[in-house]
PDB file of N, CA and C in Angstrom:
ATOM      1  N   MET A   1       0.833  -1.194   0.000  1.00  0.00           N
ATOM      2  CA  MET A   1       0.000   0.000   0.000  1.00  0.00           C
ATOM      3  C   MET A   1       0.876   1.256   0.000  1.00  0.00           C
ATOM      4  N   LYS A   2       1.926   1.236   0.828  1.00  0.00           N
ATOM      5  CA  LYS A   2       2.821   2.377   0.929  1.00  0.00           C
ATOM      6  C   LYS A   2       3.522   2.636  -0.409  1.00  0.00           C
ATOM      7  N   VAL A   3       3.931   1.557  -1.075  1.00  0.00           N
ATOM      8  CA  VAL A   3       4.598   1.665  -2.369  1.00  0.00           C
ATOM      9  C   VAL A   3       3.639   2.265  -3.401  1.00  0.00           C
ATOM     10  N   MET A   4       2.398   1.854  -3.371  1.00  0.00           N
ATOM     11  CA  MET A   4       1.405   2.368  -4.316  1.00  0.00           C
ATOM     12  C   MET A   4       1.190   3.867  -4.103  1.00  0.00           C
ATOM     13  N   ARG A   5       1.139   4.317  -2.855  1.00  0.00           N
ATOM     14  CA  ARG A   5       0.971   5.732  -2.548  1.00  0.00           C
ATOM     15  C   ARG A   5       2.130   6.559  -3.110  1.00  0.00           C
ATOM     16  N   TYR A   6       3.354   6.064  -2.924  1.00  0.00           N
ATOM     17  CA  TYR A   6       4.531   6.766  -3.450  1.00  0.00           C
ATOM     18  C   TYR A   6       4.521   6.778  -4.974  1.00  0.00           C
ATOM     19  N   GLY A   7       4.058   5.685  -5.564  1.00  0.00           N
ATOM     20  CA  GLY A   7       3.976   5.610  -7.030  1.00  0.00           C
ATOM     21  C   GLY A   7       2.986   6.619  -7.575  1.00  0.00           C
ATOM     22  N   VAL A   8       1.816   6.719  -6.958  1.00  0.00           N
ATOM     23  CA  VAL A   8       0.801   7.682  -7.388  1.00  0.00           C
ATOM     24  C   VAL A   8       1.327   9.113  -7.190  1.00  0.00           C
ATOM     25  N   PHE A   9       1.960   9.367  -6.051  1.00  0.00           N
ATOM     26  CA  PHE A   9       2.536  10.684  -5.780  1.00  0.00           C
ATOM     27  C   PHE A   9       3.576  11.050  -6.839  1.00  0.00           C
ATOM     28  N   THR A  10       4.427  10.102  -7.193  1.00  0.00           N
ATOM     29  CA  THR A  10       5.468  10.346  -8.197  1.00  0.00           C
ATOM     30  C   THR A  10       4.865  10.660  -9.559  1.00  0.00           C
ATOM     31  N   VAL A  11       3.881   9.901  -9.967  1.00  0.00           N
ATOM     32  CA  VAL A  11       3.231  10.129 -11.266  1.00  0.00           C
ATOM     33  C   VAL A  11       2.564  11.498 -11.294  1.00  0.00           C
ATOM     34  N   VAL A  12       1.839  11.843 -10.263  1.00  0.00           N
ATOM     35  CA  VAL A  12       1.166  13.141 -10.201  1.00  0.00           C
ATOM     36  C   VAL A  12       2.188  14.279 -10.233  1.00  0.00           C
ATOM     37  N   THR A  13       3.272  14.146  -9.486  1.00  0.00           N
ATOM     38  CA  THR A  13       4.319  15.172  -9.468  1.00  0.00           C
ATOM     39  C   THR A  13       4.935  15.339 -10.848  1.00  0.00           C
ATOM     40  N   LEU A  14       5.239  14.239 -11.510  1.00  0.00           N
ATOM     41  CA  LEU A  14       5.813  14.320 -12.855  1.00  0.00           C
ATOM     42  C   LEU A  14       4.858  14.986 -13.844  1.00  0.00           C
ATOM     43  N   LEU A  15       3.592  14.673 -13.741  1.00  0.00           N
ATOM     44  CA  LEU A  15       2.607  15.308 -14.629  1.00  0.00           C
ATOM     45  C   LEU A  15       2.516  16.816 -14.384  1.00  0.00           C
ATOM     46  N   LEU A  16       2.564  17.213 -13.125  1.00  0.00           N
ATOM     47  CA  LEU A  16       2.516  18.639 -12.809  1.00  0.00           C
ATOM     48  C   LEU A  16       3.771  19.354 -13.304  1.00  0.00           C
ATOM     49  N   LEU A  17       4.927  18.748 -13.134  1.00  0.00           N
ATOM     50  CA  LEU A  17       6.173  19.360 -13.598  1.00  0.00           C
ATOM     51  C   LEU A  17       6.219  19.444 -15.113  1.00  0.00           C
ATOM     52  N   HIS A  18       5.677  18.453 -15.784  1.00  0.00           N
ATOM     53  CA  HIS A  18       5.628  18.467 -17.243  1.00  0.00           C
ATOM     54  C   HIS A  18       4.795  19.654 -17.730  1.00  0.00           C
ATOM     55  N   GLY A  19       3.673  19.897 -17.105  1.00  0.00           N
ATOM     56  CA  GLY A  19       2.821  21.035 -17.461  1.00  0.00           C
ATOM     57  C   GLY A  19       3.528  22.360 -17.215  1.00  0.00           C
ATOM     58  N   ALA A  20       4.270  22.448 -16.119  1.00  0.00           N
ATOM     59  CA  ALA A  20       5.004  23.676 -15.820  1.00  0.00           C
ATOM     60  C   ALA A  20       6.092  23.917 -16.845  1.00  0.00           C
ATOM     61  N   ALA A  21       6.755  22.860 -17.296  1.00  0.00           N
ATOM     62  CA  ALA A  21       7.802  23.017 -18.314  1.00  0.00           C
ATOM     63  C   ALA A  21       7.200  23.511 -19.621  1.00  0.00           C
ATOM     64  N   LEU A  22       6.059  22.989 -20.010  1.00  0.00           N
ATOM     65  CA  LEU A  22       5.410  23.437 -21.243  1.00  0.00           C
ATOM     66  C   LEU A  22       4.952  24.884 -21.138  1.00  0.00           C
ATOM     67  N   ALA A  23       4.594  25.311 -19.948  1.00  0.00           N
ATOM     68  CA  ALA A  23       4.116  26.678 -19.769  1.00  0.00           C
ATOM     69  C   ALA A  23       5.209  27.696 -20.073  1.00  0.00           C
ATOM     70  N   HIS A  24       6.477  27.308 -19.931  1.00  0.00           N
ATOM     71  CA  HIS A  24       7.579  28.235 -20.171  1.00  0.00           C
ATOM     72  C   HIS A  24       8.148  28.115 -21.575  1.00  0.00           C
ATOM     73  N   ARG A  25       7.536  27.325 -22.388  1.00  0.00           N
ATOM     74  CA  ARG A  25       8.028  27.120 -23.741  1.00  0.00           C
ATOM     75  C   ARG A  25       7.423  28.160 -24.682  1.00  0.00           C
ATOM     76  N   VAL A  26       8.240  28.617 -25.601  1.00  0.00           N
ATOM     77  CA  VAL A  26       7.789  29.507 -26.670  1.00  0.00           C
ATOM     78  C   VAL A  26       8.177  28.839 -27.977  1.00  0.00           C
ATOM     79  N   ASN A  27       7.257  28.767 -28.899  1.00  0.00           N
ATOM     80  CA  ASN A  27       7.558  28.231 -30.217  1.00  0.00           C
ATOM     81  C   ASN A  27       8.033  29.369 -31.103  1.00  0.00           C
ATOM     82  N   VAL A  28       9.118  29.136 -31.826  1.00  0.00           N
ATOM     83  CA  VAL A  28       9.707  30.142 -32.707  1.00  0.00           C
ATOM     84  C   VAL A  28       9.882  29.524 -34.086  1.00  0.00           C
ATOM     85  N   PHE A  29       9.491  30.263 -35.098  1.00  0.00           N
ATOM     86  CA  PHE A  29       9.668  29.824 -36.473  1.00  0.00           C
ATOM     87  C   PHE A  29      10.140  31.023 -37.281  1.00  0.00           C
ATOM     88  N   ALA A  30      11.036  30.783 -38.231  1.00  0.00           N
ATOM     89  CA  ALA A  30      11.531  31.863 -39.085  1.00  0.00           C
ATOM     90  C   ALA A  30      11.735  31.339 -40.498  1.00  0.00           C
ATOM     91  N   TYR A  31      11.523  32.224 -41.472  1.00  0.00           N
ATOM     92  CA  TYR A  31      11.771  31.865 -42.865  1.00  0.00           C
ATOM     93  C   TYR A  31      12.207  33.109 -43.618  1.00  0.00           C
ATOM     94  N   VAL A  32      12.819  32.887 -44.786  1.00  0.00           N
ATOM     95  CA  VAL A  32      13.354  33.973 -45.602  1.00  0.00           C
ATOM     96  C   VAL A  32      12.579  34.029 -46.910  1.00  0.00           C
ATOM     97  N   GLU A  33      12.229  35.263 -47.289  1.00  0.00           N
ATOM     98  CA  GLU A  33      11.498  35.446 -48.547  1.00  0.00           C
ATOM     99  C   GLU A  33      11.745  36.851 -49.074  1.00  0.00           C
ATOM    100  N   ALA A  34      12.179  36.946 -50.308  1.00  0.00           N
ATOM    101  CA  ALA A  34      12.354  38.216 -51.010  1.00  0.00           C
ATOM    102  C   ALA A  34      13.207  39.220 -50.223  1.00  0.00           C
ATOM    103  N   GLY A  35      14.322  38.750 -49.678  1.00  0.00           N
ATOM    104  CA  GLY A  35      15.248  39.641 -48.988  1.00  0.00           C
ATOM    105  C   GLY A  35      14.893  40.005 -47.564  1.00  0.00           C
ATOM    106  N   LYS A  36      13.836  39.393 -47.023  1.00  0.00           N
ATOM    107  CA  LYS A  36      13.429  39.663 -45.641  1.00  0.00           C
ATOM    108  C   LYS A  36      13.350  38.360 -44.866  1.00  0.00           C
ATOM    109  N   ILE A  37      13.553  38.488 -43.570  1.00  0.00           N
ATOM    110  CA  ILE A  37      13.382  37.345 -42.670  1.00  0.00           C
ATOM    111  C   ILE A  37      12.126  37.598 -41.854  1.00  0.00           C
ATOM    112  N   TYR A  38      11.257  36.608 -41.839  1.00  0.00           N
ATOM    113  CA  TYR A  38       9.984  36.698 -41.122  1.00  0.00           C
ATOM    114  C   TYR A  38      10.027  35.741 -39.943  1.00  0.00           C
ATOM    115  N   THR A  39       9.644  36.225 -38.774  1.00  0.00           N
ATOM    116  CA  THR A  39       9.627  35.397 -37.573  1.00  0.00           C
ATOM    117  C   THR A  39       8.221  35.340 -36.998  1.00  0.00           C
ATOM    118  N   GLU A  40       7.955  34.236 -36.327  1.00  0.00           N
ATOM    119  CA  GLU A  40       6.680  34.038 -35.639  1.00  0.00           C
ATOM    120  C   GLU A  40       6.978  33.475 -34.261  1.00  0.00           C
ATOM    121  N   GLY A  41       6.324  33.994 -33.242  1.00  0.00           N
ATOM    122  CA  GLY A  41       6.467  33.487 -31.886  1.00  0.00           C
ATOM    123  C   GLY A  41       5.097  33.235 -31.285  1.00  0.00           C
ATOM    124  N   TYR A  42       4.920  32.039 -30.740  1.00  0.00           N
ATOM    125  CA  TYR A  42       3.631  31.710 -30.130  1.00  0.00           C
ATOM    126  C   TYR A  42       3.850  30.686 -29.022  1.00  0.00           C
ATOM    127  N   PHE A  43       2.875  30.637 -28.124  1.00  0.00           N
ATOM    128  CA  PHE A  43       2.911  29.710 -27.004  1.00  0.00           C
ATOM    129  C   PHE A  43       2.295  28.377 -27.425  1.00  0.00           C
ATOM    130  N   PRO A  44       2.509  27.302 -26.653  1.00  0.00           N
ATOM    131  CA  PRO A  44       1.958  25.989 -27.015  1.00  0.00           C
ATOM    132  C   PRO A  44       0.436  25.980 -27.198  1.00  0.00           C
ATOM    133  N   ASP A  45      -0.261  26.897 -26.543  1.00  0.00           N
ATOM    134  CA  ASP A  45      -1.719  26.934 -26.701  1.00  0.00           C
ATOM    135  C   ASP A  45      -2.148  27.705 -27.947  1.00  0.00           C
ATOM    136  N   GLY A  46      -1.170  28.204 -28.737  1.00  0.00           N
ATOM    137  CA  GLY A  46      -1.484  28.904 -29.983  1.00  0.00           C
ATOM    138  C   GLY A  46      -1.556  30.414 -29.868  1.00  0.00           C
ATOM    139  N   LYS A  47      -1.530  30.927 -28.647  1.00  0.00           N
ATOM    140  CA  LYS A  47      -1.587  32.383 -28.475  1.00  0.00           C
ATOM    141  C   LYS A  47      -0.268  33.008 -28.924  1.00  0.00           C
ATOM    142  N   PRO A  48      -0.328  34.161 -29.602  1.00  0.00           N
ATOM    143  CA  PRO A  48       0.902  34.795 -30.074  1.00  0.00           C
ATOM    144  C   PRO A  48       1.697  35.422 -28.935  1.00  0.00           C
ATOM    145  N   VAL A  49       2.996  35.511 -29.140  1.00  0.00           N
ATOM    146  CA  VAL A  49       3.867  36.216 -28.205  1.00  0.00           C
ATOM    147  C   VAL A  49       3.757  37.699 -28.558  1.00  0.00           C
ATOM    148  N   VAL A  50       3.017  38.444 -27.785  1.00  0.00           N
ATOM    149  CA  VAL A  50       2.806  39.878 -28.027  1.00  0.00           C
ATOM    150  C   VAL A  50       3.863  40.671 -27.267  1.00  0.00           C
ATOM    151  N   GLY A  51       4.583  41.525 -27.962  1.00  0.00           N
ATOM    152  CA  GLY A  51       5.593  42.355 -27.319  1.00  0.00           C
ATOM    153  C   GLY A  51       6.830  41.591 -26.888  1.00  0.00           C
ATOM    154  N   GLY A  52       7.073  40.438 -27.506  1.00  0.00           N
ATOM    155  CA  GLY A  52       8.261  39.650 -27.182  1.00  0.00           C
ATOM    156  C   GLY A  52       9.509  40.290 -27.769  1.00  0.00           C
ATOM    157  N   LYS A  53      10.593  40.181 -27.046  1.00  0.00           N
ATOM    158  CA  LYS A  53      11.864  40.744 -27.507  1.00  0.00           C
ATOM    159  C   LYS A  53      12.509  39.757 -28.479  1.00  0.00           C
ATOM    160  N   VAL A  54      12.873  40.253 -29.657  1.00  0.00           N
ATOM    161  CA  VAL A  54      13.520  39.433 -30.677  1.00  0.00           C
ATOM    162  C   VAL A  54      14.984  39.852 -30.766  1.00  0.00           C
ATOM    163  N   LEU A  55      15.876  38.874 -30.670  1.00  0.00           N
ATOM    164  CA  LEU A  55      17.317  39.114 -30.774  1.00  0.00           C
ATOM    165  C   LEU A  55      17.840  38.271 -31.929  1.00  0.00           C
ATOM    166  N   VAL A  56      18.656  38.866 -32.784  1.00  0.00           N
ATOM    167  CA  VAL A  56      19.223  38.146 -33.919  1.00  0.00           C
ATOM    168  C   VAL A  56      20.739  38.157 -33.787  1.00  0.00           C
ATOM    169  N   HIS A  57      21.341  36.954 -33.764  1.00  0.00           N
ATOM    170  CA  HIS A  57      22.782  36.790 -33.608  1.00  0.00           C
ATOM    171  C   HIS A  57      23.368  36.108 -34.840  1.00  0.00           C
ATOM    172  N   ASP A  58      24.616  36.438 -35.161  1.00  0.00           N
ATOM    173  CA  ASP A  58      25.311  35.756 -36.247  1.00  0.00           C
ATOM    174  C   ASP A  58      25.988  34.496 -35.710  1.00  0.00           C
ATOM    175  N   SER A  59      26.781  33.838 -36.566  1.00  0.00           N
ATOM    176  CA  SER A  59      27.404  32.566 -36.177  1.00  0.00           C
ATOM    177  C   SER A  59      28.462  32.713 -35.086  1.00  0.00           C
ATOM    178  N   THR A  60      28.928  33.940 -34.835  1.00  0.00           N
ATOM    179  CA  THR A  60      29.896  34.169 -33.747  1.00  0.00           C
ATOM    180  C   THR A  60      29.204  34.665 -32.480  1.00  0.00           C
ATOM    181  N   ASN A  61      27.872  34.624 -32.471  1.00  0.00           N
ATOM    182  CA  ASN A  61      27.032  35.070 -31.354  1.00  0.00           C
ATOM    183  C   ASN A  61      27.048  36.585 -31.164  1.00  0.00           C
ATOM    184  N   ARG A  62      27.434  37.308 -32.199  1.00  0.00           N
ATOM    185  CA  ARG A  62      27.391  38.781 -32.156  1.00  0.00           C
ATOM    186  C   ARG A  62      25.951  39.226 -32.403  1.00  0.00           C
ATOM    187  N   LEU A  63      25.446  40.114 -31.565  1.00  0.00           N
ATOM    188  CA  LEU A  63      24.089  40.632 -31.722  1.00  0.00           C
ATOM    189  C   LEU A  63      24.041  41.540 -32.939  1.00  0.00           C
ATOM    190  N   LEU A  64      23.162  41.218 -33.885  1.00  0.00           N
ATOM    191  CA  LEU A  64      23.029  42.004 -35.111  1.00  0.00           C
ATOM    192  C   LEU A  64      21.897  43.019 -35.035  1.00  0.00           C
ATOM    193  N   LEU A  65      20.798  42.604 -34.430  1.00  0.00           N
ATOM    194  CA  LEU A  65      19.666  43.521 -34.309  1.00  0.00           C
ATOM    195  C   LEU A  65      18.686  43.031 -33.269  1.00  0.00           C
ATOM    196  N   GLU A  66      17.827  43.942 -32.832  1.00  0.00           N
ATOM    197  CA  GLU A  66      16.771  43.642 -31.861  1.00  0.00           C
ATOM    198  C   GLU A  66      15.452  44.174 -32.400  1.00  0.00           C
ATOM    199  N   GLY A  67      14.389  43.599 -31.937  1.00  0.00           N
ATOM    200  CA  GLY A  67      13.063  44.068 -32.313  1.00  0.00           C
ATOM    201  C   GLY A  67      12.030  43.550 -31.338  1.00  0.00           C
ATOM    202  N   THR A  68      10.762  43.763 -31.675  1.00  0.00           N
ATOM    203  CA  THR A  68       9.651  43.367 -30.819  1.00  0.00           C
ATOM    204  C   THR A  68       8.539  42.763 -31.667  1.00  0.00           C
ATOM    205  N   THR A  69       7.971  41.667 -31.194  1.00  0.00           N
ATOM    206  CA  THR A  69       6.861  41.052 -31.922  1.00  0.00           C
ATOM    207  C   THR A  69       5.613  41.927 -31.815  1.00  0.00           C
ATOM    208  N   ASN A  70       4.786  41.864 -32.850  1.00  0.00           N
ATOM    209  CA  ASN A  70       3.552  42.654 -32.869  1.00  0.00           C
ATOM    210  C   ASN A  70       2.411  41.886 -32.184  1.00  0.00           C
ATOM    211  N   ASP A  71       1.196  42.366 -32.334  1.00  0.00           N
ATOM    212  CA  ASP A  71       0.035  41.751 -31.683  1.00  0.00           C
ATOM    213  C   ASP A  71      -0.271  40.350 -32.199  1.00  0.00           C
ATOM    214  N   GLU A  72       0.316  39.995 -33.356  1.00  0.00           N
ATOM    215  CA  GLU A  72       0.112  38.659 -33.914  1.00  0.00           C
ATOM    216  C   GLU A  72       1.329  37.756 -33.673  1.00  0.00           C
ATOM    217  N   GLY A  73       2.306  38.248 -32.895  1.00  0.00           N
ATOM    218  CA  GLY A  73       3.507  37.472 -32.610  1.00  0.00           C
ATOM    219  C   GLY A  73       4.516  37.475 -33.741  1.00  0.00           C
ATOM    220  N   LEU A  74       4.396  38.438 -34.648  1.00  0.00           N
ATOM    221  CA  LEU A  74       5.249  38.496 -35.834  1.00  0.00           C
ATOM    222  C   LEU A  74       6.273  39.619 -35.750  1.00  0.00           C
ATOM    223  N   PHE A  75       7.410  39.403 -36.393  1.00  0.00           N
ATOM    224  CA  PHE A  75       8.449  40.423 -36.532  1.00  0.00           C
ATOM    225  C   PHE A  75       9.227  40.089 -37.799  1.00  0.00           C
ATOM    226  N   SER A  76       9.513  41.099 -38.627  1.00  0.00           N
ATOM    227  CA  SER A  76      10.285  40.869 -39.845  1.00  0.00           C
ATOM    228  C   SER A  76      11.353  41.940 -39.977  1.00  0.00           C
ATOM    229  N   PHE A  77      12.402  41.602 -40.745  1.00  0.00           N
ATOM    230  CA  PHE A  77      13.515  42.525 -40.927  1.00  0.00           C
ATOM    231  C   PHE A  77      14.270  42.149 -42.199  1.00  0.00           C
ATOM    232  N   ASP A  78      15.005  43.119 -42.742  1.00  0.00           N
ATOM    233  CA  ASP A  78      15.850  42.864 -43.904  1.00  0.00           C
ATOM    234  C   ASP A  78      16.992  41.939 -43.496  1.00  0.00           C
ATOM    235  N   ILE A  79      17.440  41.111 -44.420  1.00  0.00           N
ATOM    236  CA  ILE A  79      18.555  40.199 -44.144  1.00  0.00           C
ATOM    237  C   ILE A  79      19.775  41.035 -43.769  1.00  0.00           C
ATOM    238  N   PRO A  80      20.314  40.836 -42.563  1.00  0.00           N
ATOM    239  CA  PRO A  80      21.462  41.648 -42.140  1.00  0.00           C
ATOM    240  C   PRO A  80      22.775  41.220 -42.791  1.00  0.00           C
ATOM    241  N   LEU A  81      22.939  39.907 -42.996  1.00  0.00           N
ATOM    242  CA  LEU A  81      24.127  39.385 -43.691  1.00  0.00           C
ATOM    243  C   LEU A  81      23.907  37.913 -44.001  1.00  0.00           C
ATOM    244  N   ASP A  82      24.674  37.404 -44.973  1.00  0.00           N
ATOM    245  CA  ASP A  82      24.580  35.996 -45.329  1.00  0.00           C
ATOM    246  C   ASP A  82      25.458  35.194 -44.374  1.00  0.00           C
ATOM    247  N   ASP A  83      24.836  34.592 -43.375  1.00  0.00           N
ATOM    248  CA  ASP A  83      25.533  33.830 -42.352  1.00  0.00           C
ATOM    249  C   ASP A  83      24.494  32.954 -41.655  1.00  0.00           C
ATOM    250  N   ASP A  84      24.951  31.986 -40.855  1.00  0.00           N
ATOM    251  CA  ASP A  84      24.029  31.272 -39.977  1.00  0.00           C
ATOM    252  C   ASP A  84      23.504  32.285 -38.963  1.00  0.00           C
ATOM    253  N   LEU A  85      22.210  32.310 -38.769  1.00  0.00           N
ATOM    254  CA  LEU A  85      21.600  33.268 -37.841  1.00  0.00           C
ATOM    255  C   LEU A  85      20.830  32.525 -36.762  1.00  0.00           C
ATOM    256  N   THR A  86      20.914  33.031 -35.549  1.00  0.00           N
ATOM    257  CA  THR A  86      20.122  32.519 -34.438  1.00  0.00           C
ATOM    258  C   THR A  86      19.124  33.593 -34.060  1.00  0.00           C
ATOM    259  N   ILE A  87      17.852  33.241 -34.118  1.00  0.00           N
ATOM    260  CA  ILE A  87      16.788  34.176 -33.783  1.00  0.00           C
ATOM    261  C   ILE A  87      16.176  33.739 -32.456  1.00  0.00           C
ATOM    262  N   VAL A  88      16.239  34.622 -31.477  1.00  0.00           N
ATOM    263  CA  VAL A  88      15.751  34.335 -30.127  1.00  0.00           C
ATOM    264  C   VAL A  88      14.515  35.194 -29.872  1.00  0.00           C
ATOM    265  N   ILE A  89      13.489  34.565 -29.327  1.00  0.00           N
ATOM    266  CA  ILE A  89      12.324  35.330 -28.864  1.00  0.00           C
ATOM    267  C   ILE A  89      12.220  35.124 -27.355  1.00  0.00           C
ATOM    268  N   ASP A  90      12.225  36.241 -26.640  1.00  0.00           N
ATOM    269  CA  ASP A  90      12.118  36.247 -25.188  1.00  0.00           C
ATOM    270  C   ASP A  90      10.792  36.902 -24.827  1.00  0.00           C
ATOM    271  N   ALA A  91       9.877  36.087 -24.311  1.00  0.00           N
ATOM    272  CA  ALA A  91       8.554  36.588 -23.953  1.00  0.00           C
ATOM    273  C   ALA A  91       8.473  36.962 -22.479  1.00  0.00           C
ATOM    274  N   GLY A  92       9.606  36.941 -21.770  1.00  0.00           N
ATOM    275  CA  GLY A  92       9.629  37.310 -20.355  1.00  0.00           C
ATOM    276  C   GLY A  92       9.272  36.154 -19.452  1.00  0.00           C
ATOM    277  N   MET A  93       9.623  36.281 -18.189  1.00  0.00           N
ATOM    278  CA  MET A  93       9.316  35.306 -17.144  1.00  0.00           C
ATOM    279  C   MET A  93       9.735  33.883 -17.514  1.00  0.00           C
ATOM    280  N   GLY A  94      10.896  33.753 -18.146  1.00  0.00           N
ATOM    281  CA  GLY A  94      11.399  32.430 -18.484  1.00  0.00           C
ATOM    282  C   GLY A  94      10.905  31.860 -19.794  1.00  0.00           C
ATOM    283  N   HIS A  95      10.031  32.562 -20.468  1.00  0.00           N
ATOM    284  CA  HIS A  95       9.503  32.112 -21.753  1.00  0.00           C
ATOM    285  C   HIS A  95      10.469  32.554 -22.848  1.00  0.00           C
ATOM    286  N   ARG A  96      11.284  31.593 -23.325  1.00  0.00           N
ATOM    287  CA  ARG A  96      12.331  31.948 -24.284  1.00  0.00           C
ATOM    288  C   ARG A  96      12.683  30.729 -25.134  1.00  0.00           C
ATOM    289  N   ASN A  97      12.930  30.976 -26.422  1.00  0.00           N
ATOM    290  CA  ASN A  97      13.368  29.906 -27.305  1.00  0.00           C
ATOM    291  C   ASN A  97      14.078  30.523 -28.494  1.00  0.00           C
ATOM    292  N   SER A  98      14.754  29.683 -29.277  1.00  0.00           N
ATOM    293  CA  SER A  98      15.492  30.194 -30.427  1.00  0.00           C
ATOM    294  C   SER A  98      15.258  29.326 -31.656  1.00  0.00           C
ATOM    295  N   PHE A  99      15.604  29.906 -32.805  1.00  0.00           N
ATOM    296  CA  PHE A  99      15.471  29.222 -34.090  1.00  0.00           C
ATOM    297  C   PHE A  99      16.756  29.443 -34.865  1.00  0.00           C
ATOM    298  N   GLU A 100      17.317  28.361 -35.403  1.00  0.00           N
ATOM    299  CA  GLU A 100      18.545  28.454 -36.182  1.00  0.00           C
ATOM    300  C   GLU A 100      18.183  28.540 -37.659  1.00  0.00           C
ATOM    301  N   LEU A 101      18.623  29.595 -38.306  1.00  0.00           N
ATOM    302  CA  LEU A 101      18.405  29.794 -39.736  1.00  0.00           C
ATOM    303  C   LEU A 101      19.761  29.627 -40.414  1.00  0.00           C
ATOM    304  N   LYS A 102      19.887  28.614 -41.254  1.00  0.00           N
ATOM    305  CA  LYS A 102      21.162  28.287 -41.890  1.00  0.00           C
ATOM    306  C   LYS A 102      21.514  29.289 -42.995  1.00  0.00           C
ATOM    307  N   LYS A 103      22.815  29.469 -43.199  1.00  0.00           N
ATOM    308  CA  LYS A 103      23.333  30.398 -44.198  1.00  0.00           C
ATOM    309  C   LYS A 103      22.761  30.091 -45.585  1.00  0.00           C
ATOM    310  N   ALA A 104      22.664  28.824 -45.929  1.00  0.00           N
ATOM    311  CA  ALA A 104      22.124  28.437 -47.240  1.00  0.00           C
ATOM    312  C   ALA A 104      20.686  28.922 -47.409  1.00  0.00           C
ATOM    313  N   ASP A 105      19.890  28.859 -46.337  1.00  0.00           N
ATOM    314  CA  ASP A 105      18.508  29.332 -46.399  1.00  0.00           C
ATOM    315  C   ASP A 105      18.458  30.863 -46.526  1.00  0.00           C
ATOM    316  N   VAL A 106      19.368  31.527 -45.833  1.00  0.00           N
ATOM    317  CA  VAL A 106      19.416  32.989 -45.915  1.00  0.00           C
ATOM    318  C   VAL A 106      19.778  33.410 -47.346  1.00  0.00           C
ATOM    319  N   GLU A 107      20.799  32.776 -47.908  1.00  0.00           N
ATOM    320  CA  GLU A 107      21.232  33.114 -49.265  1.00  0.00           C
ATOM    321  C   GLU A 107      20.154  32.818 -50.293  1.00  0.00           C
ATOM    322  N   ALA A 108      19.445  31.709 -50.102  1.00  0.00           N
ATOM    323  CA  ALA A 108      18.386  31.324 -51.034  1.00  0.00           C
ATOM    324  C   ALA A 108      17.206  32.292 -51.011  1.00  0.00           C
ATOM    325  N   GLY A 109      17.027  32.991 -49.904  1.00  0.00           N
ATOM    326  CA  GLY A 109      15.909  33.932 -49.770  1.00  0.00           C
ATOM    327  C   GLY A 109      16.180  35.321 -50.265  1.00  0.00           C
ATOM    328  N   ARG A 110      17.371  35.588 -50.763  1.00  0.00           N
ATOM    329  CA  ARG A 110      17.707  36.944 -51.252  1.00  0.00           C
ATOM    330  C   ARG A 110      16.934  37.276 -52.475  1.00  0.00           C
TER     331      ARG A 110
END
């Protein structure tokens, strides 16, 4: 009986922690089209990241530019350079994720 109680407690705790981990996740997607890079940020429930801070880094982790997502979770900018780019969206309170955009994709979108 005691073992069963600990097993149920463990399962419930793991389920609660799993939900908390998902709550801090931000989905980030980026693509290149006609000389611009378009980003999208949204939470697992589909709600957009409104007013999220967008940071764009090159392959040496040098910050190239910053911006803010709009009411639809979108942010776009001109291609800063042909390189591997890391796009980070920080929605605050631990909600943060990044997207790697390869140099070949950047060049193909010019």
